[in-house]
Structure formats: structure tokens, C-alpha cells
Amino acid sequence: MTRILLPIAIGAALGSLMGYFGQCSSGSCPLTSTWWRGALYGGFIGLMFAMSARH
């Protein structure tokens, strides 16, 4: 279970940081317009990474 949750948490943290410190203020950039949207994208990428590395 940790093999799946840890990459999701790391991806969500990195995505939220990128969304928070991103330069898109118009809201048209899907990844960096808000911190929570960045966290969702990052968590999804973390999940995809965890599922691909799993044996």
C-alpha cells in the first residue's frame, strides 16, 4: 500500500507547489492555474508512476 500512496503524495506535493508558485495568473493553464489543480495532476502522475513500476 505504501508503494502506491507514497508516489501519489510526492506527486501531489510537487504539483501543488508548482501550481502555487506557477506563473499562470489567467487561469487558462490547466496545471499551474491553482494549487489544488496542480496537486490533482501531480497525484495522478504519481499514481501512473507507481502503477508502472509495480511488479
PDB file of N, CA and C in Angstrom:
ATOM      1  N   MET A   1       0.817  -1.191   0.000  1.00  0.00           N
ATOM      2  CA  MET A   1       0.000   0.000   0.000  1.00  0.00           C
ATOM      3  C   MET A   1       0.868   1.265   0.000  1.00  0.00           C
ATOM      4  N   THR A   2       2.008   1.208   0.693  1.00  0.00           N
ATOM      5  CA  THR A   2       2.908   2.353   0.737  1.00  0.00           C
ATOM      6  C   THR A   2       3.526   2.614  -0.620  1.00  0.00           C
ATOM      7  N   ARG A   3       3.711   1.563  -1.402  1.00  0.00           N
ATOM      8  CA  ARG A   3       4.283   1.733  -2.745  1.00  0.00           C
ATOM      9  C   ARG A   3       3.384   2.548  -3.659  1.00  0.00           C
ATOM     10  N   ILE A   4       2.121   2.605  -3.363  1.00  0.00           N
ATOM     11  CA  ILE A   4       1.193   3.388  -4.177  1.00  0.00           C
ATOM     12  C   ILE A   4       0.968   4.772  -3.568  1.00  0.00           C
ATOM     13  N   LEU A   5       0.802   4.832  -2.250  1.00  0.00           N
ATOM     14  CA  LEU A   5       0.468   6.100  -1.609  1.00  0.00           C
ATOM     15  C   LEU A   5       1.630   7.089  -1.572  1.00  0.00           C
ATOM     16  N   LEU A   6       2.839   6.598  -1.420  1.00  0.00           N
ATOM     17  CA  LEU A   6       3.992   7.499  -1.355  1.00  0.00           C
ATOM     18  C   LEU A   6       4.215   8.267  -2.668  1.00  0.00           C
ATOM     19  N   PRO A   7       4.220   7.603  -3.840  1.00  0.00           N
ATOM     20  CA  PRO A   7       4.362   8.383  -5.085  1.00  0.00           C
ATOM     21  C   PRO A   7       3.198   9.344  -5.330  1.00  0.00           C
ATOM     22  N   ILE A   8       1.995   8.960  -4.901  1.00  0.00           N
ATOM     23  CA  ILE A   8       0.850   9.863  -5.059  1.00  0.00           C
ATOM     24  C   ILE A   8       1.044  11.108  -4.189  1.00  0.00           C
ATOM     25  N   ALA A   9       1.480  10.901  -2.946  1.00  0.00           N
ATOM     26  CA  ALA A   9       1.694  12.030  -2.040  1.00  0.00           C
ATOM     27  C   ALA A   9       2.828  12.933  -2.529  1.00  0.00           C
ATOM     28  N   ILE A  10       3.898  12.334  -3.013  1.00  0.00           N
ATOM     29  CA  ILE A  10       5.017  13.133  -3.531  1.00  0.00           C
ATOM     30  C   ILE A  10       4.584  13.908  -4.774  1.00  0.00           C
ATOM     31  N   GLY A  11       3.873  13.242  -5.674  1.00  0.00           N
ATOM     32  CA  GLY A  11       3.385  13.919  -6.880  1.00  0.00           C
ATOM     33  C   GLY A  11       2.416  15.041  -6.561  1.00  0.00           C
ATOM     34  N   ALA A  12       1.531  14.801  -5.595  1.00  0.00           N
ATOM     35  CA  ALA A  12       0.572  15.842  -5.214  1.00  0.00           C
ATOM     36  C   ALA A  12       1.281  17.031  -4.571  1.00  0.00           C
ATOM     37  N   ALA A  13       2.289  16.760  -3.754  1.00  0.00           N
ATOM     38  CA  ALA A  13       3.035  17.858  -3.126  1.00  0.00           C
ATOM     39  C   ALA A  13       3.789  18.674  -4.169  1.00  0.00           C
ATOM     40  N   LEU A  14       4.461  17.990  -5.075  1.00  0.00           N
ATOM     41  CA  LEU A  14       5.193  18.715  -6.125  1.00  0.00           C
ATOM     42  C   LEU A  14       4.247  19.465  -7.052  1.00  0.00           C
ATOM     43  N   GLY A  15       3.128  18.850  -7.386  1.00  0.00           N
ATOM     44  CA  GLY A  15       2.142  19.520  -8.241  1.00  0.00           C
ATOM     45  C   GLY A  15       1.531  20.735  -7.581  1.00  0.00           C
ATOM     46  N   SER A  16       1.262  20.639  -6.277  1.00  0.00           N
ATOM     47  CA  SER A  16       0.687  21.798  -5.599  1.00  0.00           C
ATOM     48  C   SER A  16       1.698  22.927  -5.473  1.00  0.00           C
ATOM     49  N   LEU A  17       2.966  22.576  -5.259  1.00  0.00           N
ATOM     50  CA  LEU A  17       3.998  23.616  -5.241  1.00  0.00           C
ATOM     51  C   LEU A  17       4.130  24.287  -6.599  1.00  0.00           C
ATOM     52  N   MET A  18       4.069  23.485  -7.639  1.00  0.00           N
ATOM     53  CA  MET A  18       4.166  24.062  -8.977  1.00  0.00           C
ATOM     54  C   MET A  18       2.936  24.922  -9.286  1.00  0.00           C
ATOM     55  N   GLY A  19       1.778  24.496  -8.828  1.00  0.00           N
ATOM     56  CA  GLY A  19       0.580  25.295  -9.028  1.00  0.00           C
ATOM     57  C   GLY A  19       0.584  26.568  -8.208  1.00  0.00           C
ATOM     58  N   TYR A  20       1.142  26.492  -7.007  1.00  0.00           N
ATOM     59  CA  TYR A  20       1.186  27.675  -6.136  1.00  0.00           C
ATOM     60  C   TYR A  20       2.195  28.700  -6.624  1.00  0.00           C
ATOM     61  N   PHE A  21       3.359  28.230  -7.037  1.00  0.00           N
ATOM     62  CA  PHE A  21       4.410  29.133  -7.478  1.00  0.00           C
ATOM     63  C   PHE A  21       4.441  29.315  -8.999  1.00  0.00           C
ATOM     64  N   GLY A  22       3.456  28.769  -9.706  1.00  0.00           N
ATOM     65  CA  GLY A  22       3.405  28.885 -11.162  1.00  0.00           C
ATOM     66  C   GLY A  22       3.140  30.307 -11.607  1.00  0.00           C
ATOM     67  N   GLN A  23       3.401  30.589 -12.843  1.00  0.00           N
ATOM     68  CA  GLN A  23       3.297  31.954 -13.356  1.00  0.00           C
ATOM     69  C   GLN A  23       1.996  32.227 -14.108  1.00  0.00           C
ATOM     70  N   CYS A  24       1.101  31.275 -14.181  1.00  0.00           N
ATOM     71  CA  CYS A  24      -0.134  31.468 -14.947  1.00  0.00           C
ATOM     72  C   CYS A  24      -1.200  32.096 -14.050  1.00  0.00           C
ATOM     73  N   SER A  25      -1.498  33.344 -14.257  1.00  0.00           N
ATOM     74  CA  SER A  25      -2.496  34.028 -13.432  1.00  0.00           C
ATOM     75  C   SER A  25      -3.849  34.158 -14.132  1.00  0.00           C
ATOM     76  N   SER A  26      -3.906  33.821 -15.417  1.00  0.00           N
ATOM     77  CA  SER A  26      -5.161  33.979 -16.140  1.00  0.00           C
ATOM     78  C   SER A  26      -6.126  32.823 -15.901  1.00  0.00           C
ATOM     79  N   GLY A  27      -5.633  31.692 -15.447  1.00  0.00           N
ATOM     80  CA  GLY A  27      -6.488  30.527 -15.226  1.00  0.00           C
ATOM     81  C   GLY A  27      -6.616  29.635 -16.438  1.00  0.00           C
ATOM     82  N   SER A  28      -5.947  29.968 -17.526  1.00  0.00           N
ATOM     83  CA  SER A  28      -6.068  29.159 -18.734  1.00  0.00           C
ATOM     84  C   SER A  28      -5.076  28.001 -18.767  1.00  0.00           C
ATOM     85  N   CYS A  29      -4.056  28.031 -17.930  1.00  0.00           N
ATOM     86  CA  CYS A  29      -3.087  26.936 -17.862  1.00  0.00           C
ATOM     87  C   CYS A  29      -3.641  25.867 -16.926  1.00  0.00           C
ATOM     88  N   PRO A  30      -3.898  24.672 -17.396  1.00  0.00           N
ATOM     89  CA  PRO A  30      -4.558  23.687 -16.537  1.00  0.00           C
ATOM     90  C   PRO A  30      -3.698  23.209 -15.377  1.00  0.00           C
ATOM     91  N   LEU A  31      -2.391  23.231 -15.512  1.00  0.00           N
ATOM     92  CA  LEU A  31      -1.533  22.699 -14.459  1.00  0.00           C
ATOM     93  C   LEU A  31      -1.189  23.739 -13.409  1.00  0.00           C
ATOM     94  N   THR A  32      -0.937  24.955 -13.799  1.00  0.00           N
ATOM     95  CA  THR A  32      -0.439  25.943 -12.849  1.00  0.00           C
ATOM     96  C   THR A  32      -1.435  27.046 -12.522  1.00  0.00           C
ATOM     97  N   SER A  33      -2.703  26.871 -12.830  1.00  0.00           N
ATOM     98  CA  SER A  33      -3.653  27.949 -12.533  1.00  0.00           C
ATOM     99  C   SER A  33      -4.007  28.002 -11.047  1.00  0.00           C
ATOM    100  N   THR A  34      -4.148  26.859 -10.383  1.00  0.00           N
ATOM    101  CA  THR A  34      -4.406  26.822  -8.941  1.00  0.00           C
ATOM    102  C   THR A  34      -3.571  25.723  -8.305  1.00  0.00           C
ATOM    103  N   TRP A  35      -3.354  25.834  -7.000  1.00  0.00           N
ATOM    104  CA  TRP A  35      -2.520  24.841  -6.320  1.00  0.00           C
ATOM    105  C   TRP A  35      -3.217  23.490  -6.232  1.00  0.00           C
ATOM    106  N   TRP A  36      -4.556  23.489  -6.046  1.00  0.00           N
ATOM    107  CA  TRP A  36      -5.240  22.200  -5.901  1.00  0.00           C
ATOM    108  C   TRP A  36      -5.335  21.459  -7.224  1.00  0.00           C
ATOM    109  N   ARG A  37      -5.413  22.175  -8.327  1.00  0.00           N
ATOM    110  CA  ARG A  37      -5.427  21.521  -9.626  1.00  0.00           C
ATOM    111  C   ARG A  37      -4.054  20.924  -9.933  1.00  0.00           C
ATOM    112  N   GLY A  38      -3.008  21.624  -9.554  1.00  0.00           N
ATOM    113  CA  GLY A  38      -1.659  21.082  -9.686  1.00  0.00           C
ATOM    114  C   GLY A  38      -1.472  19.840  -8.830  1.00  0.00           C
ATOM    115  N   ALA A  39      -2.064  19.842  -7.637  1.00  0.00           N
ATOM    116  CA  ALA A  39      -1.975  18.677  -6.760  1.00  0.00           C
ATOM    117  C   ALA A  39      -2.694  17.479  -7.359  1.00  0.00           C
ATOM    118  N   LEU A  40      -3.839  17.718  -7.994  1.00  0.00           N
ATOM    119  CA  LEU A  40      -4.565  16.615  -8.640  1.00  0.00           C
ATOM    120  C   LEU A  40      -3.765  16.027  -9.795  1.00  0.00           C
ATOM    121  N   TYR A  41      -3.227  16.880 -10.633  1.00  0.00           N
ATOM    122  CA  TYR A  41      -2.406  16.407 -11.739  1.00  0.00           C
ATOM    123  C   TYR A  41      -1.161  15.677 -11.237  1.00  0.00           C
ATOM    124  N   GLY A  42      -0.509  16.234 -10.229  1.00  0.00           N
ATOM    125  CA  GLY A  42       0.687  15.610  -9.678  1.00  0.00           C
ATOM    126  C   GLY A  42       0.391  14.265  -9.040  1.00  0.00           C
ATOM    127  N   GLY A  43      -0.717  14.177  -8.321  1.00  0.00           N
ATOM    128  CA  GLY A  43      -1.118  12.906  -7.728  1.00  0.00           C
ATOM    129  C   GLY A  43      -1.427  11.853  -8.776  1.00  0.00           C
ATOM    130  N   PHE A  44      -2.055  12.269  -9.864  1.00  0.00           N
ATOM    131  CA  PHE A  44      -2.353  11.336 -10.952  1.00  0.00           C
ATOM    132  C   PHE A  44      -1.068  10.840 -11.615  1.00  0.00           C
ATOM    133  N   ILE A  45      -0.128  11.729 -11.849  1.00  0.00           N
ATOM    134  CA  ILE A  45       1.157  11.333 -12.429  1.00  0.00           C
ATOM    135  C   ILE A  45       1.899  10.401 -11.470  1.00  0.00           C
ATOM    136  N   GLY A  46       1.837  10.695 -10.162  1.00  0.00           N
ATOM    137  CA  GLY A  46       2.438   9.807  -9.174  1.00  0.00           C
ATOM    138  C   GLY A  46       1.806   8.429  -9.175  1.00  0.00           C
ATOM    139  N   LEU A  47       0.478   8.378  -9.337  1.00  0.00           N
ATOM    140  CA  LEU A  47      -0.210   7.093  -9.426  1.00  0.00           C
ATOM    141  C   LEU A  47       0.216   6.318 -10.666  1.00  0.00           C
ATOM    142  N   MET A  48       0.321   7.007 -11.791  1.00  0.00           N
ATOM    143  CA  MET A  48       0.759   6.340 -13.019  1.00  0.00           C
ATOM    144  C   MET A  48       2.193   5.812 -12.882  1.00  0.00           C
ATOM    145  N   PHE A  49       3.041   6.571 -12.224  1.00  0.00           N
ATOM    146  CA  PHE A  49       4.412   6.129 -11.989  1.00  0.00           C
ATOM    147  C   PHE A  49       4.429   4.913 -11.075  1.00  0.00           C
ATOM    148  N   ALA A  50       3.629   4.929 -10.018  1.00  0.00           N
ATOM    149  CA  ALA A  50       3.588   3.807  -9.076  1.00  0.00           C
ATOM    150  C   ALA A  50       3.046   2.547  -9.747  1.00  0.00           C
ATOM    151  N   MET A  51       2.043   2.697 -10.598  1.00  0.00           N
ATOM    152  CA  MET A  51       1.454   1.519 -11.255  1.00  0.00           C
ATOM    153  C   MET A  51       2.398   0.956 -12.325  1.00  0.00           C
ATOM    154  N   SER A  52       3.188   1.797 -12.957  1.00  0.00           N
ATOM    155  CA  SER A  52       4.097   1.297 -13.994  1.00  0.00           C
ATOM    156  C   SER A  52       5.323   0.632 -13.381  1.00  0.00           C
ATOM    157  N   ALA A  53       5.737   1.048 -12.198  1.00  0.00           N
ATOM    158  CA  ALA A  53       6.913   0.484 -11.552  1.00  0.00           C
ATOM    159  C   ALA A  53       6.594  -0.750 -10.731  1.00  0.00           C
ATOM    160  N   ARG A  54       5.321  -1.043 -10.564  1.00  0.00           N
ATOM    161  CA  ARG A  54       4.879  -2.174  -9.746  1.00  0.00           C
ATOM    162  C   ARG A  54       5.036  -3.492 -10.495  1.00  0.00           C
ATOM    163  N   HIS A  55       5.446  -4.513  -9.794  1.00  0.00           N
ATOM    164  CA  HIS A  55       5.625  -5.828 -10.438  1.00  0.00           C
ATOM    165  C   HIS A  55       4.577  -6.780  -9.979  1.00  0.00           C
TER     166      HIS A  55
END
